[in-house]
Amino acid sequence: MRKHITTLCPFCGPGCCPQIFVDDSLPEEKQVEITDDFGGKISMSKEQLKAFVEQSKSGKITV
């Protein structure tokens, strides 16, 4: 079952900012989905998302 985890901007609701979903019923490598407000999406594993978060926190990923 697809579960909404968070919306990545505080100013609007569903469908209007990047959102993160988790679906444990999908294959492991596709359980995390990030969607944008233009209809695009990426899929990744929970481990890949954890690595992204860790690298962001450590400063390896900057914008």
N, C-alpha and C. Protein backbone atom coordinates (compact mmCIF):
# COMPACT_ATOMS: atom_id res chain seq x y z
N MET A 1 0.84 -1.19 0.00
CA MET A 1 0.00 0.00 0.00
C MET A 1 0.88 1.25 0.00
N ARG A 2 0.59 2.17 -0.87
CA ARG A 2 1.34 3.42 -1.00
C ARG A 2 1.02 4.34 0.17
N LYS A 3 2.07 4.81 0.85
CA LYS A 3 1.90 5.66 2.03
C LYS A 3 2.64 6.97 1.83
N HIS A 4 1.94 8.09 2.00
CA HIS A 4 2.56 9.41 1.89
C HIS A 4 3.45 9.63 3.11
N ILE A 5 4.70 10.02 2.89
CA ILE A 5 5.65 10.26 3.98
C ILE A 5 5.75 11.75 4.28
N THR A 6 5.98 12.55 3.26
CA THR A 6 6.11 14.00 3.48
C THR A 6 5.95 14.76 2.18
N THR A 7 5.60 16.03 2.31
CA THR A 7 5.60 16.99 1.20
C THR A 7 6.77 17.93 1.46
N LEU A 8 7.58 18.18 0.44
CA LEU A 8 8.83 18.90 0.63
C LEU A 8 8.71 20.41 0.50
N CYS A 9 7.56 20.96 0.67
CA CYS A 9 7.43 22.40 0.81
C CYS A 9 6.21 22.66 1.69
N PRO A 10 6.31 23.63 2.57
CA PRO A 10 5.25 23.84 3.56
C PRO A 10 4.09 24.70 3.09
N PHE A 11 4.13 25.21 1.87
CA PHE A 11 3.17 26.22 1.47
C PHE A 11 1.98 25.73 0.66
N CYS A 12 1.96 24.47 0.31
CA CYS A 12 0.83 23.98 -0.46
C CYS A 12 0.60 22.51 -0.14
N GLY A 13 -0.43 21.96 -0.67
CA GLY A 13 -0.81 20.59 -0.32
C GLY A 13 -0.46 19.59 -1.40
N PRO A 14 -1.10 18.43 -1.34
CA PRO A 14 -0.83 17.35 -2.29
C PRO A 14 -0.92 17.80 -3.74
N GLY A 15 0.00 17.34 -4.56
CA GLY A 15 0.02 17.65 -5.97
C GLY A 15 0.72 18.96 -6.31
N CYS A 16 1.22 19.66 -5.32
CA CYS A 16 1.79 20.98 -5.56
C CYS A 16 3.22 21.09 -5.06
N CYS A 17 3.94 20.15 -4.82
CA CYS A 17 5.34 20.25 -4.41
C CYS A 17 5.88 18.83 -4.44
N PRO A 18 7.19 18.66 -4.43
CA PRO A 18 7.71 17.30 -4.36
C PRO A 18 7.16 16.57 -3.14
N GLN A 19 6.82 15.30 -3.34
CA GLN A 19 6.30 14.47 -2.26
C GLN A 19 7.06 13.15 -2.23
N ILE A 20 7.16 12.56 -1.05
CA ILE A 20 7.81 11.26 -0.90
C ILE A 20 6.77 10.26 -0.42
N PHE A 21 6.75 9.10 -1.10
CA PHE A 21 5.85 8.00 -0.77
C PHE A 21 6.67 6.74 -0.55
N VAL A 22 6.15 5.81 0.25
CA VAL A 22 6.75 4.49 0.43
C VAL A 22 5.67 3.45 0.18
N ASP A 23 6.02 2.40 -0.57
CA ASP A 23 5.10 1.30 -0.84
C ASP A 23 5.84 -0.01 -0.64
N ASP A 24 5.63 -0.65 0.50
CA ASP A 24 6.32 -1.89 0.84
C ASP A 24 5.91 -3.07 -0.03
N SER A 25 4.83 -2.94 -0.80
CA SER A 25 4.38 -4.04 -1.66
C SER A 25 5.16 -4.11 -2.98
N LEU A 26 5.91 -3.06 -3.29
CA LEU A 26 6.70 -3.03 -4.53
C LEU A 26 8.03 -3.74 -4.34
N PRO A 27 8.71 -4.07 -5.45
CA PRO A 27 10.05 -4.64 -5.33
C PRO A 27 10.95 -3.70 -4.52
N GLU A 28 11.87 -4.27 -3.78
CA GLU A 28 12.71 -3.51 -2.85
C GLU A 28 13.36 -2.28 -3.49
N GLU A 29 13.81 -2.42 -4.74
CA GLU A 29 14.52 -1.32 -5.39
C GLU A 29 13.60 -0.17 -5.84
N LYS A 30 12.28 -0.34 -5.69
CA LYS A 30 11.33 0.68 -6.12
C LYS A 30 10.35 1.10 -5.01
N GLN A 31 10.67 0.83 -3.76
CA GLN A 31 9.71 1.08 -2.68
C GLN A 31 9.55 2.55 -2.32
N VAL A 32 10.52 3.38 -2.64
CA VAL A 32 10.42 4.81 -2.36
C VAL A 32 10.18 5.54 -3.68
N GLU A 33 9.20 6.43 -3.67
CA GLU A 33 8.90 7.21 -4.87
C GLU A 33 8.88 8.69 -4.49
N ILE A 34 9.59 9.49 -5.27
CA ILE A 34 9.56 10.94 -5.11
C ILE A 34 8.90 11.51 -6.36
N THR A 35 7.83 12.27 -6.16
CA THR A 35 7.12 12.88 -7.28
C THR A 35 7.32 14.38 -7.24
N ASP A 36 7.25 15.02 -8.41
CA ASP A 36 7.31 16.48 -8.44
C ASP A 36 5.97 17.03 -8.92
N ASP A 37 5.84 18.34 -8.90
CA ASP A 37 4.57 18.95 -9.27
C ASP A 37 4.40 19.09 -10.78
N PHE A 38 5.31 18.52 -11.57
CA PHE A 38 5.19 18.53 -13.03
C PHE A 38 4.85 17.14 -13.57
N GLY A 39 4.59 16.18 -12.68
CA GLY A 39 4.24 14.83 -13.11
C GLY A 39 5.41 13.87 -13.19
N GLY A 40 6.62 14.34 -12.92
CA GLY A 40 7.78 13.47 -12.94
C GLY A 40 7.90 12.67 -11.66
N LYS A 41 8.60 11.55 -11.74
CA LYS A 41 8.83 10.76 -10.53
C LYS A 41 10.10 9.95 -10.66
N ILE A 42 10.69 9.63 -9.52
CA ILE A 42 11.81 8.72 -9.46
C ILE A 42 11.49 7.66 -8.42
N SER A 43 12.04 6.48 -8.63
CA SER A 43 11.88 5.38 -7.67
C SER A 43 13.25 4.96 -7.19
N MET A 44 13.32 4.55 -5.94
CA MET A 44 14.58 4.10 -5.36
C MET A 44 14.29 3.18 -4.19
N SER A 45 15.33 2.54 -3.69
CA SER A 45 15.17 1.68 -2.52
C SER A 45 15.24 2.54 -1.25
N LYS A 46 14.80 1.96 -0.15
CA LYS A 46 14.91 2.65 1.14
C LYS A 46 16.37 2.90 1.49
N GLU A 47 17.25 1.96 1.13
CA GLU A 47 18.68 2.14 1.41
C GLU A 47 19.24 3.32 0.62
N GLN A 48 18.81 3.48 -0.63
CA GLN A 48 19.27 4.62 -1.42
C GLN A 48 18.78 5.93 -0.81
N LEU A 49 17.53 5.96 -0.33
CA LEU A 49 17.03 7.17 0.32
C LEU A 49 17.81 7.47 1.59
N LYS A 50 18.11 6.44 2.37
CA LYS A 50 18.90 6.63 3.59
C LYS A 50 20.28 7.20 3.25
N ALA A 51 20.91 6.69 2.20
CA ALA A 51 22.23 7.19 1.78
C ALA A 51 22.13 8.65 1.36
N PHE A 52 21.08 9.00 0.63
CA PHE A 52 20.87 10.39 0.21
C PHE A 52 20.73 11.31 1.43
N VAL A 53 19.94 10.90 2.40
CA VAL A 53 19.74 11.71 3.61
C VAL A 53 21.06 11.85 4.37
N GLU A 54 21.79 10.76 4.53
CA GLU A 54 23.07 10.81 5.25
C GLU A 54 24.07 11.72 4.55
N GLN A 55 24.16 11.62 3.22
CA GLN A 55 25.09 12.46 2.47
C GLN A 55 24.67 13.93 2.53
N SER A 56 23.38 14.18 2.54
CA SER A 56 22.90 15.56 2.68
C SER A 56 23.27 16.13 4.04
N LYS A 57 23.05 15.36 5.08
CA LYS A 57 23.36 15.82 6.44
C LYS A 57 24.85 16.06 6.63
N SER A 58 25.68 15.24 5.98
CA SER A 58 27.13 15.37 6.16
C SER A 58 27.74 16.48 5.31
N GLY A 59 26.95 17.07 4.42
CA GLY A 59 27.45 18.14 3.57
C GLY A 59 27.99 17.68 2.23
N LYS A 60 27.92 16.38 1.93
CA LYS A 60 28.40 15.88 0.64
C LYS A 60 27.51 16.33 -0.51
N ILE A 61 26.24 16.58 -0.22
CA ILE A 61 25.30 17.06 -1.24
C ILE A 61 24.94 18.49 -0.87
N THR A 62 25.23 19.42 -1.76
CA THR A 62 24.89 20.82 -1.53
C THR A 62 24.22 21.38 -2.77
N VAL A 63 23.49 22.46 -2.58
CA VAL A 63 22.86 23.12 -3.73
C VAL A 63 23.20 24.60 -3.72
